[in-house]
N, C-alpha and C. Protein backbone atom coordinates (compact mmCIF):
# COMPACT_ATOMS: atom_id res chain seq x y z
N MET A 1 -53.54 -114.87 160.28
CA MET A 1 -54.83 -114.63 160.85
C MET A 1 -55.90 -114.89 159.81
N GLY A 2 -57.05 -115.25 160.27
CA GLY A 2 -58.18 -115.46 159.40
C GLY A 2 -59.44 -115.33 160.19
N ASN A 3 -60.50 -115.82 159.64
CA ASN A 3 -61.76 -115.78 160.36
C ASN A 3 -61.70 -116.77 161.50
N GLU A 4 -62.11 -116.32 162.67
CA GLU A 4 -62.18 -117.20 163.82
C GLU A 4 -63.63 -117.55 164.05
N SER A 5 -63.87 -118.57 164.84
CA SER A 5 -65.24 -119.02 165.03
C SER A 5 -66.01 -118.07 165.92
N PHE A 6 -67.32 -118.08 165.76
CA PHE A 6 -68.22 -117.27 166.54
C PHE A 6 -68.92 -118.17 167.53
N PRO A 7 -69.41 -117.62 168.64
CA PRO A 7 -70.13 -118.45 169.60
C PRO A 7 -71.38 -119.04 168.96
N SER A 8 -71.88 -120.12 169.53
CA SER A 8 -73.03 -120.81 168.94
C SER A 8 -74.26 -119.94 168.86
N ASP A 9 -74.40 -118.94 169.74
CA ASP A 9 -75.57 -118.08 169.70
C ASP A 9 -75.34 -116.81 168.87
N PHE A 10 -74.17 -116.72 168.25
CA PHE A 10 -73.83 -115.54 167.45
C PHE A 10 -74.37 -115.71 166.05
N PRO A 11 -74.79 -114.62 165.39
CA PRO A 11 -75.32 -114.76 164.03
C PRO A 11 -74.33 -115.47 163.10
N ALA A 12 -74.71 -116.64 162.64
CA ALA A 12 -73.82 -117.48 161.83
C ALA A 12 -73.47 -116.83 160.50
N ALA A 13 -74.31 -115.93 160.02
CA ALA A 13 -74.07 -115.32 158.72
C ALA A 13 -72.79 -114.51 158.69
N VAL A 14 -72.26 -114.10 159.85
CA VAL A 14 -71.04 -113.31 159.87
C VAL A 14 -69.82 -114.17 159.64
N ASP A 15 -69.84 -115.40 160.13
CA ASP A 15 -68.69 -116.28 160.04
C ASP A 15 -68.30 -116.50 158.58
N GLY A 16 -67.08 -116.17 158.24
CA GLY A 16 -66.58 -116.41 156.91
C GLY A 16 -66.95 -115.36 155.88
N VAL A 17 -67.49 -114.22 156.32
CA VAL A 17 -67.89 -113.17 155.40
C VAL A 17 -66.67 -112.42 154.90
N ALA A 18 -66.66 -112.08 153.64
CA ALA A 18 -65.66 -111.22 153.01
C ALA A 18 -64.28 -111.88 152.98
N ASP A 19 -63.37 -111.23 152.27
CA ASP A 19 -62.01 -111.73 152.17
C ASP A 19 -61.09 -111.09 153.20
N GLY A 20 -61.60 -110.10 153.93
CA GLY A 20 -60.81 -109.43 154.95
C GLY A 20 -60.70 -110.27 156.20
N ILE A 21 -60.11 -109.71 157.21
CA ILE A 21 -59.92 -110.41 158.47
C ILE A 21 -61.09 -110.11 159.39
N VAL A 22 -61.72 -111.14 159.90
CA VAL A 22 -62.77 -111.01 160.91
C VAL A 22 -62.35 -111.87 162.08
N ARG A 23 -62.11 -111.22 163.23
CA ARG A 23 -61.72 -111.94 164.44
C ARG A 23 -62.74 -111.68 165.52
N THR A 24 -63.07 -112.70 166.27
CA THR A 24 -63.93 -112.57 167.42
C THR A 24 -63.19 -113.07 168.64
N LEU A 25 -63.17 -112.25 169.67
CA LEU A 25 -62.50 -112.60 170.91
C LEU A 25 -63.52 -112.57 172.04
N HIS A 26 -63.49 -113.58 172.87
CA HIS A 26 -64.33 -113.62 174.06
C HIS A 26 -63.43 -113.28 175.23
N VAL A 27 -63.75 -112.18 175.90
CA VAL A 27 -62.91 -111.70 176.98
C VAL A 27 -63.74 -111.54 178.25
N ASP A 28 -63.07 -111.52 179.38
CA ASP A 28 -63.77 -111.33 180.65
C ASP A 28 -64.19 -109.87 180.83
N ALA A 29 -63.38 -108.95 180.33
CA ALA A 29 -63.67 -107.52 180.44
C ALA A 29 -63.04 -106.81 179.25
N LEU A 30 -63.56 -105.64 178.93
CA LEU A 30 -63.00 -104.84 177.85
C LEU A 30 -61.91 -103.93 178.42
N THR A 31 -60.76 -103.92 177.78
CA THR A 31 -59.67 -103.05 178.19
C THR A 31 -60.08 -101.60 177.94
N PRO A 32 -59.89 -100.72 178.90
CA PRO A 32 -60.26 -99.31 178.68
C PRO A 32 -59.50 -98.72 177.50
N LEU A 33 -60.18 -97.92 176.72
CA LEU A 33 -59.56 -97.29 175.56
C LEU A 33 -58.77 -96.04 175.93
N GLU A 34 -58.86 -95.58 177.15
CA GLU A 34 -58.15 -94.37 177.56
C GLU A 34 -56.65 -94.48 177.34
N ALA A 35 -56.13 -95.67 177.34
CA ALA A 35 -54.70 -95.88 177.17
C ALA A 35 -54.25 -95.74 175.72
N ARG A 36 -55.20 -95.67 174.81
CA ARG A 36 -54.85 -95.58 173.38
C ARG A 36 -54.93 -94.14 172.89
N ASP A 37 -54.09 -93.82 171.95
CA ASP A 37 -54.16 -92.50 171.32
C ASP A 37 -55.38 -92.44 170.42
N ALA A 38 -55.99 -91.28 170.35
CA ALA A 38 -57.14 -91.10 169.47
C ALA A 38 -57.20 -89.65 169.02
N ASP A 39 -57.59 -89.45 167.78
CA ASP A 39 -57.80 -88.10 167.28
C ASP A 39 -59.18 -87.60 167.67
N VAL A 40 -60.16 -88.51 167.72
CA VAL A 40 -61.52 -88.16 168.11
C VAL A 40 -62.00 -89.21 169.10
N ARG A 41 -62.62 -88.76 170.18
CA ARG A 41 -63.21 -89.66 171.18
C ARG A 41 -64.56 -89.06 171.58
N LEU A 42 -65.61 -89.84 171.42
CA LEU A 42 -66.95 -89.42 171.80
C LEU A 42 -67.56 -90.45 172.75
N THR A 43 -68.24 -89.97 173.76
CA THR A 43 -69.04 -90.84 174.62
C THR A 43 -70.39 -90.17 174.75
N LEU A 44 -71.41 -90.84 174.22
CA LEU A 44 -72.76 -90.30 174.20
C LEU A 44 -73.73 -91.35 174.71
N PRO A 45 -74.89 -90.92 175.22
CA PRO A 45 -75.91 -91.92 175.56
C PRO A 45 -76.34 -92.67 174.30
N ALA A 46 -76.59 -93.96 174.42
CA ALA A 46 -76.97 -94.80 173.28
C ALA A 46 -78.43 -94.54 172.92
N ARG A 47 -78.64 -93.41 172.26
CA ARG A 47 -79.97 -93.01 171.79
C ARG A 47 -79.93 -92.84 170.28
N PRO A 48 -81.06 -93.09 169.60
CA PRO A 48 -81.08 -93.00 168.13
C PRO A 48 -80.57 -91.67 167.58
N GLU A 49 -80.91 -90.56 168.19
CA GLU A 49 -80.48 -89.27 167.66
C GLU A 49 -78.96 -89.09 167.73
N ASN A 50 -78.30 -89.80 168.63
CA ASN A 50 -76.85 -89.68 168.73
C ASN A 50 -76.11 -90.45 167.64
N VAL A 51 -76.77 -91.39 167.00
CA VAL A 51 -76.16 -92.06 165.85
C VAL A 51 -75.92 -91.05 164.74
N ALA A 52 -76.87 -90.15 164.54
CA ALA A 52 -76.72 -89.09 163.52
C ALA A 52 -75.57 -88.15 163.89
N VAL A 53 -75.42 -87.83 165.16
CA VAL A 53 -74.33 -86.97 165.61
C VAL A 53 -72.98 -87.64 165.31
N ILE A 54 -72.87 -88.90 165.65
CA ILE A 54 -71.63 -89.65 165.41
C ILE A 54 -71.32 -89.72 163.91
N ARG A 55 -72.34 -90.00 163.12
CA ARG A 55 -72.17 -90.07 161.66
C ARG A 55 -71.66 -88.74 161.11
N HIS A 56 -72.22 -87.65 161.60
CA HIS A 56 -71.81 -86.32 161.14
C HIS A 56 -70.35 -86.02 161.52
N VAL A 57 -69.98 -86.28 162.77
CA VAL A 57 -68.61 -86.03 163.22
C VAL A 57 -67.63 -86.90 162.43
N LEU A 58 -67.97 -88.17 162.28
CA LEU A 58 -67.10 -89.09 161.55
C LEU A 58 -66.93 -88.66 160.10
N GLY A 59 -68.02 -88.29 159.45
CA GLY A 59 -67.95 -87.84 158.06
C GLY A 59 -67.10 -86.60 157.91
N ALA A 60 -67.25 -85.63 158.81
CA ALA A 60 -66.46 -84.40 158.75
C ALA A 60 -64.97 -84.70 158.96
N PHE A 61 -64.67 -85.59 159.90
CA PHE A 61 -63.27 -85.96 160.15
C PHE A 61 -62.67 -86.66 158.93
N ALA A 62 -63.41 -87.61 158.35
CA ALA A 62 -62.92 -88.34 157.17
C ALA A 62 -62.72 -87.40 155.99
N GLU A 63 -63.63 -86.46 155.82
CA GLU A 63 -63.47 -85.49 154.73
C GLU A 63 -62.28 -84.57 154.96
N ALA A 64 -62.02 -84.20 156.24
CA ALA A 64 -60.85 -83.37 156.57
C ALA A 64 -59.56 -84.09 156.23
N LEU A 65 -59.59 -85.43 156.30
CA LEU A 65 -58.42 -86.23 155.92
C LEU A 65 -58.31 -86.39 154.41
N ARG A 66 -59.29 -85.85 153.67
CA ARG A 66 -59.36 -85.92 152.21
C ARG A 66 -59.42 -87.36 151.70
N LEU A 67 -60.22 -88.16 152.39
CA LEU A 67 -60.41 -89.54 151.95
C LEU A 67 -61.32 -89.55 150.73
N PRO A 68 -61.15 -90.54 149.85
CA PRO A 68 -62.04 -90.65 148.70
C PRO A 68 -63.49 -90.80 149.17
N GLU A 69 -64.42 -90.22 148.44
CA GLU A 69 -65.83 -90.23 148.81
C GLU A 69 -66.36 -91.65 149.04
N ALA A 70 -65.92 -92.61 148.23
CA ALA A 70 -66.38 -93.99 148.41
C ALA A 70 -65.94 -94.56 149.76
N VAL A 71 -64.74 -94.20 150.20
CA VAL A 71 -64.24 -94.66 151.51
C VAL A 71 -65.04 -93.99 152.62
N VAL A 72 -65.29 -92.69 152.48
CA VAL A 72 -66.08 -91.96 153.48
C VAL A 72 -67.46 -92.59 153.62
N GLU A 73 -68.09 -92.95 152.51
CA GLU A 73 -69.42 -93.57 152.56
C GLU A 73 -69.37 -94.95 153.21
N ASP A 74 -68.34 -95.73 152.91
CA ASP A 74 -68.18 -97.04 153.58
C ASP A 74 -68.03 -96.87 155.09
N ILE A 75 -67.22 -95.89 155.49
CA ILE A 75 -67.01 -95.64 156.91
C ILE A 75 -68.32 -95.23 157.57
N ARG A 76 -69.02 -94.29 156.96
CA ARG A 76 -70.30 -93.85 157.52
C ARG A 76 -71.29 -95.00 157.66
N LEU A 77 -71.37 -95.84 156.64
CA LEU A 77 -72.31 -96.96 156.67
C LEU A 77 -71.95 -97.96 157.77
N ALA A 78 -70.69 -98.36 157.83
CA ALA A 78 -70.28 -99.36 158.83
C ALA A 78 -70.46 -98.83 160.25
N VAL A 79 -70.08 -97.60 160.49
CA VAL A 79 -70.20 -97.04 161.83
C VAL A 79 -71.66 -96.81 162.20
N THR A 80 -72.47 -96.41 161.24
CA THR A 80 -73.91 -96.28 161.50
C THR A 80 -74.51 -97.62 161.90
N GLU A 81 -74.15 -98.67 161.19
CA GLU A 81 -74.64 -100.02 161.54
C GLU A 81 -74.19 -100.43 162.94
N ALA A 82 -72.91 -100.22 163.25
CA ALA A 82 -72.39 -100.60 164.56
C ALA A 82 -73.08 -99.81 165.68
N CYS A 83 -73.24 -98.52 165.50
CA CYS A 83 -73.89 -97.69 166.53
C CYS A 83 -75.37 -98.02 166.67
N THR A 84 -76.03 -98.29 165.57
CA THR A 84 -77.44 -98.67 165.61
C THR A 84 -77.61 -99.98 166.37
N ASN A 85 -76.69 -100.91 166.18
CA ASN A 85 -76.74 -102.17 166.95
C ASN A 85 -76.64 -101.89 168.45
N VAL A 86 -75.78 -100.98 168.84
CA VAL A 86 -75.66 -100.64 170.26
C VAL A 86 -76.97 -100.05 170.76
N VAL A 87 -77.52 -99.10 170.03
CA VAL A 87 -78.76 -98.45 170.44
C VAL A 87 -79.90 -99.46 170.57
N ARG A 88 -79.99 -100.39 169.62
CA ARG A 88 -81.11 -101.34 169.61
C ARG A 88 -80.94 -102.51 170.56
N HIS A 89 -79.70 -102.96 170.77
CA HIS A 89 -79.52 -104.24 171.44
C HIS A 89 -78.69 -104.25 172.72
N ALA A 90 -77.86 -103.25 172.96
CA ALA A 90 -76.92 -103.34 174.08
C ALA A 90 -77.56 -103.12 175.44
N TYR A 91 -78.60 -102.31 175.48
CA TYR A 91 -79.18 -101.93 176.76
C TYR A 91 -80.67 -102.25 176.79
N ASP A 92 -81.21 -102.45 177.98
CA ASP A 92 -82.63 -102.73 178.13
C ASP A 92 -83.45 -101.52 177.67
N SER A 93 -84.50 -101.79 176.90
CA SER A 93 -85.36 -100.70 176.46
C SER A 93 -86.13 -100.16 177.66
N GLY A 94 -86.41 -98.88 177.63
CA GLY A 94 -87.13 -98.25 178.72
C GLY A 94 -86.23 -97.78 179.84
N ALA A 95 -85.03 -98.34 179.95
CA ALA A 95 -84.08 -97.91 180.97
C ALA A 95 -83.28 -96.72 180.45
N HIS A 96 -82.62 -96.04 181.34
CA HIS A 96 -81.73 -94.96 180.93
C HIS A 96 -80.64 -95.57 180.04
N PRO A 97 -80.46 -95.04 178.81
CA PRO A 97 -79.48 -95.67 177.92
C PRO A 97 -78.06 -95.56 178.46
N GLY A 98 -77.31 -96.62 178.28
CA GLY A 98 -75.92 -96.63 178.68
C GLY A 98 -75.06 -95.91 177.65
N PRO A 99 -73.75 -95.92 177.86
CA PRO A 99 -72.87 -95.18 176.97
C PRO A 99 -72.59 -95.90 175.65
N LEU A 100 -72.41 -95.08 174.64
CA LEU A 100 -71.96 -95.49 173.31
C LEU A 100 -70.65 -94.73 173.11
N GLU A 101 -69.55 -95.47 173.03
CA GLU A 101 -68.23 -94.85 172.93
C GLU A 101 -67.66 -95.05 171.53
N ILE A 102 -67.12 -93.98 170.98
CA ILE A 102 -66.51 -94.02 169.65
C ILE A 102 -65.10 -93.46 169.75
N VAL A 103 -64.14 -94.17 169.17
CA VAL A 103 -62.77 -93.68 169.06
C VAL A 103 -62.40 -93.74 167.58
N ILE A 104 -61.84 -92.65 167.08
CA ILE A 104 -61.41 -92.57 165.68
C ILE A 104 -59.94 -92.20 165.69
N ARG A 105 -59.14 -92.99 164.96
CA ARG A 105 -57.72 -92.67 164.91
C ARG A 105 -57.11 -93.13 163.59
N PRO A 106 -56.38 -92.23 162.95
CA PRO A 106 -55.61 -92.62 161.77
C PRO A 106 -54.41 -93.45 162.20
N GLU A 107 -54.16 -94.52 161.46
CA GLU A 107 -53.03 -95.41 161.73
C GLU A 107 -52.35 -95.70 160.39
N GLY A 108 -51.33 -94.92 160.04
CA GLY A 108 -50.66 -95.13 158.76
C GLY A 108 -51.62 -94.94 157.61
N GLU A 109 -51.77 -95.96 156.78
CA GLU A 109 -52.68 -95.90 155.63
C GLU A 109 -54.10 -96.33 155.97
N ALA A 110 -54.37 -96.51 157.25
CA ALA A 110 -55.70 -96.95 157.67
C ALA A 110 -56.35 -95.90 158.57
N LEU A 111 -57.65 -95.99 158.66
CA LEU A 111 -58.40 -95.22 159.63
C LEU A 111 -59.13 -96.25 160.48
N ASP A 112 -58.84 -96.25 161.78
CA ASP A 112 -59.47 -97.19 162.70
C ASP A 112 -60.62 -96.50 163.41
N VAL A 113 -61.73 -97.19 163.51
CA VAL A 113 -62.89 -96.69 164.24
C VAL A 113 -63.32 -97.80 165.20
N ILE A 114 -63.46 -97.43 166.47
CA ILE A 114 -63.81 -98.40 167.50
C ILE A 114 -65.13 -97.98 168.13
N VAL A 115 -66.08 -98.89 168.18
CA VAL A 115 -67.39 -98.65 168.77
C VAL A 115 -67.54 -99.59 169.96
N THR A 116 -67.80 -99.03 171.13
CA THR A 116 -67.88 -99.82 172.37
C THR A 116 -69.19 -99.55 173.10
N ASP A 117 -69.76 -100.60 173.68
CA ASP A 117 -70.89 -100.44 174.59
C ASP A 117 -70.55 -101.12 175.90
N ARG A 118 -71.29 -100.81 176.92
CA ARG A 118 -71.12 -101.42 178.25
C ARG A 118 -72.37 -102.22 178.63
N GLY A 119 -73.11 -102.64 177.62
CA GLY A 119 -74.35 -103.36 177.85
C GLY A 119 -74.16 -104.86 177.83
N ARG A 120 -75.15 -105.54 177.30
CA ARG A 120 -75.12 -107.01 177.33
C ARG A 120 -74.25 -107.61 176.24
N GLY A 121 -73.72 -106.78 175.37
CA GLY A 121 -72.82 -107.29 174.34
C GLY A 121 -73.57 -107.80 173.13
N ILE A 122 -72.83 -108.41 172.22
CA ILE A 122 -73.38 -108.87 170.95
C ILE A 122 -74.00 -110.25 171.12
N GLY A 123 -75.12 -110.44 170.50
CA GLY A 123 -75.79 -111.73 170.53
C GLY A 123 -76.98 -111.67 169.60
N PRO A 124 -77.77 -112.71 169.58
CA PRO A 124 -78.93 -112.69 168.70
C PRO A 124 -79.92 -111.63 169.16
N SER A 125 -80.58 -111.04 168.22
CA SER A 125 -81.56 -110.01 168.52
C SER A 125 -82.82 -110.64 169.10
N PRO A 126 -83.30 -110.12 170.24
CA PRO A 126 -84.51 -110.69 170.83
C PRO A 126 -85.78 -110.35 170.05
N ASP A 127 -85.70 -109.35 169.17
CA ASP A 127 -86.91 -108.92 168.47
C ASP A 127 -86.99 -109.38 167.02
N THR A 128 -86.07 -110.23 166.59
CA THR A 128 -86.13 -110.77 165.23
C THR A 128 -85.78 -112.25 165.26
N ARG A 129 -86.15 -112.93 164.21
CA ARG A 129 -85.79 -114.35 164.07
C ARG A 129 -84.57 -114.43 163.17
N GLY A 130 -83.58 -115.15 163.61
CA GLY A 130 -82.38 -115.33 162.79
C GLY A 130 -81.44 -114.14 162.91
N PRO A 131 -80.29 -114.25 162.27
CA PRO A 131 -79.29 -113.18 162.36
C PRO A 131 -79.72 -111.95 161.57
N GLY A 132 -79.27 -110.82 162.01
CA GLY A 132 -79.51 -109.58 161.28
C GLY A 132 -78.50 -109.42 160.17
N LEU A 133 -78.59 -108.32 159.47
CA LEU A 133 -77.69 -108.06 158.35
C LEU A 133 -76.58 -107.07 158.70
N GLY A 134 -76.65 -106.43 159.86
CA GLY A 134 -75.68 -105.39 160.21
C GLY A 134 -74.25 -105.87 160.25
N LEU A 135 -73.96 -106.92 161.01
CA LEU A 135 -72.57 -107.39 161.12
C LEU A 135 -72.03 -107.96 159.81
N PRO A 136 -72.82 -108.74 159.06
CA PRO A 136 -72.29 -109.17 157.76
C PRO A 136 -72.00 -108.00 156.82
N LEU A 137 -72.83 -106.96 156.87
CA LEU A 137 -72.59 -105.78 156.04
C LEU A 137 -71.30 -105.10 156.47
N ILE A 138 -71.12 -104.91 157.77
CA ILE A 138 -69.89 -104.30 158.28
C ILE A 138 -68.67 -105.12 157.83
N ALA A 139 -68.74 -106.44 158.01
CA ALA A 139 -67.61 -107.30 157.64
C ALA A 139 -67.29 -107.21 156.16
N ALA A 140 -68.30 -106.97 155.34
CA ALA A 140 -68.09 -106.91 153.89
C ALA A 140 -67.42 -105.62 153.44
N ILE A 141 -67.53 -104.53 154.21
CA ILE A 141 -67.00 -103.25 153.72
C ILE A 141 -65.78 -102.74 154.48
N VAL A 142 -65.40 -103.39 155.56
CA VAL A 142 -64.18 -102.97 156.27
C VAL A 142 -63.00 -103.80 155.76
N HIS A 143 -61.80 -103.33 156.01
CA HIS A 143 -60.63 -104.11 155.65
C HIS A 143 -60.30 -105.12 156.73
N SER A 144 -60.60 -104.79 157.98
CA SER A 144 -60.51 -105.78 159.05
C SER A 144 -61.50 -105.40 160.14
N LEU A 145 -61.93 -106.42 160.86
CA LEU A 145 -62.93 -106.26 161.91
C LEU A 145 -62.55 -107.17 163.06
N GLU A 146 -62.45 -106.58 164.25
CA GLU A 146 -62.25 -107.39 165.44
C GLU A 146 -63.42 -107.11 166.37
N ILE A 147 -64.05 -108.18 166.82
CA ILE A 147 -65.18 -108.08 167.73
C ILE A 147 -64.76 -108.66 169.06
N GLN A 148 -64.82 -107.85 170.09
CA GLN A 148 -64.56 -108.33 171.45
C GLN A 148 -65.90 -108.42 172.15
N HIS A 149 -66.16 -109.55 172.73
CA HIS A 149 -67.43 -109.79 173.40
C HIS A 149 -67.15 -110.19 174.84
N ALA A 150 -67.63 -109.38 175.76
CA ALA A 150 -67.47 -109.66 177.19
C ALA A 150 -68.87 -109.78 177.78
N PRO A 151 -69.37 -111.00 177.96
CA PRO A 151 -70.73 -111.16 178.49
C PRO A 151 -70.93 -110.32 179.75
N SER A 152 -72.02 -109.62 179.77
CA SER A 152 -72.40 -108.75 180.89
C SER A 152 -71.50 -107.53 181.05
N ALA A 153 -70.52 -107.35 180.16
CA ALA A 153 -69.63 -106.19 180.27
C ALA A 153 -69.60 -105.38 178.98
N GLY A 154 -70.25 -105.87 177.93
CA GLY A 154 -70.32 -105.10 176.70
C GLY A 154 -69.63 -105.75 175.52
N SER A 155 -69.48 -104.95 174.49
CA SER A 155 -68.82 -105.40 173.27
C SER A 155 -68.06 -104.24 172.66
N ARG A 156 -67.12 -104.59 171.80
CA ARG A 156 -66.32 -103.59 171.10
C ARG A 156 -66.09 -104.08 169.68
N LEU A 157 -66.41 -103.23 168.72
CA LEU A 157 -66.12 -103.50 167.32
C LEU A 157 -64.99 -102.57 166.91
N SER A 158 -63.86 -103.15 166.50
CA SER A 158 -62.74 -102.38 166.01
C SER A 158 -62.67 -102.59 164.50
N MET A 159 -62.95 -101.51 163.78
CA MET A 159 -63.01 -101.57 162.32
C MET A 159 -61.85 -100.79 161.73
N SER A 160 -61.25 -101.33 160.69
CA SER A 160 -60.16 -100.65 160.01
C SER A 160 -60.52 -100.47 158.54
N PHE A 161 -60.28 -99.26 158.05
CA PHE A 161 -60.57 -98.90 156.67
C PHE A 161 -59.29 -98.40 156.03
N HIS A 162 -58.97 -98.87 154.83
CA HIS A 162 -57.82 -98.33 154.10
C HIS A 162 -58.22 -96.98 153.56
N ARG A 163 -57.33 -96.03 153.71
CA ARG A 163 -57.64 -94.66 153.31
C ARG A 163 -57.80 -94.46 151.81
N GLY A 164 -57.14 -95.28 151.02
CA GLY A 164 -57.12 -95.04 149.59
C GLY A 164 -58.16 -95.76 148.77
N SER A 165 -58.77 -96.81 149.30
CA SER A 165 -59.72 -97.56 148.48
C SER A 165 -60.83 -98.18 149.33
N PRO A 166 -62.04 -98.19 148.81
CA PRO A 166 -63.12 -98.85 149.54
C PRO A 166 -62.95 -100.36 149.49
N ARG A 167 -63.54 -101.06 150.44
CA ARG A 167 -63.44 -102.52 150.53
C ARG A 167 -64.30 -103.20 149.47
N VAL A 168 -65.52 -102.72 149.31
CA VAL A 168 -66.45 -103.36 148.39
C VAL A 168 -65.88 -103.30 146.98
N GLY A 169 -65.82 -104.45 146.34
CA GLY A 169 -65.32 -104.51 144.96
C GLY A 169 -63.80 -104.53 144.87
N ALA A 170 -63.11 -104.47 146.01
CA ALA A 170 -61.65 -104.51 145.97
C ALA A 170 -61.18 -105.91 145.64
N ALA A 171 -60.07 -106.00 144.97
CA ALA A 171 -59.53 -107.31 144.60
C ALA A 171 -58.76 -107.92 145.73
């Protein structure tokens, strides 16, 4: 596995970022996460104040697992970026915000965090010129990243973090 191509309207800066695995899949629909085991599952309205709630829950869970502080900070940063993208871009502004779903599960030596929206999915930001920095930042600090994009059905970012070492600066 390696980096796969991104759609032509996807921020090009993400393609080829980092030495980890970055995969993008274009799907007709997102498979429900209810079928997967999870230690933590949150579904909140995609509002800015709920990003802080998610960050707090995630940080407390990671600390309970006794993860190194550098790993906890990488997890908090990546998940904050992913959730902020959902809040800013997944749903029409002014409308009732749609759901922001988070699943956290330990998998062996990794901690997987999945962020899902049911909005318009990932694409270029309508309020900025060029690609943003959120996805390249996420790709640089996770050990692997899978992005599922289902036009008109949402997006899902599946991030994996190694429990023992942060990604940034890793050999």
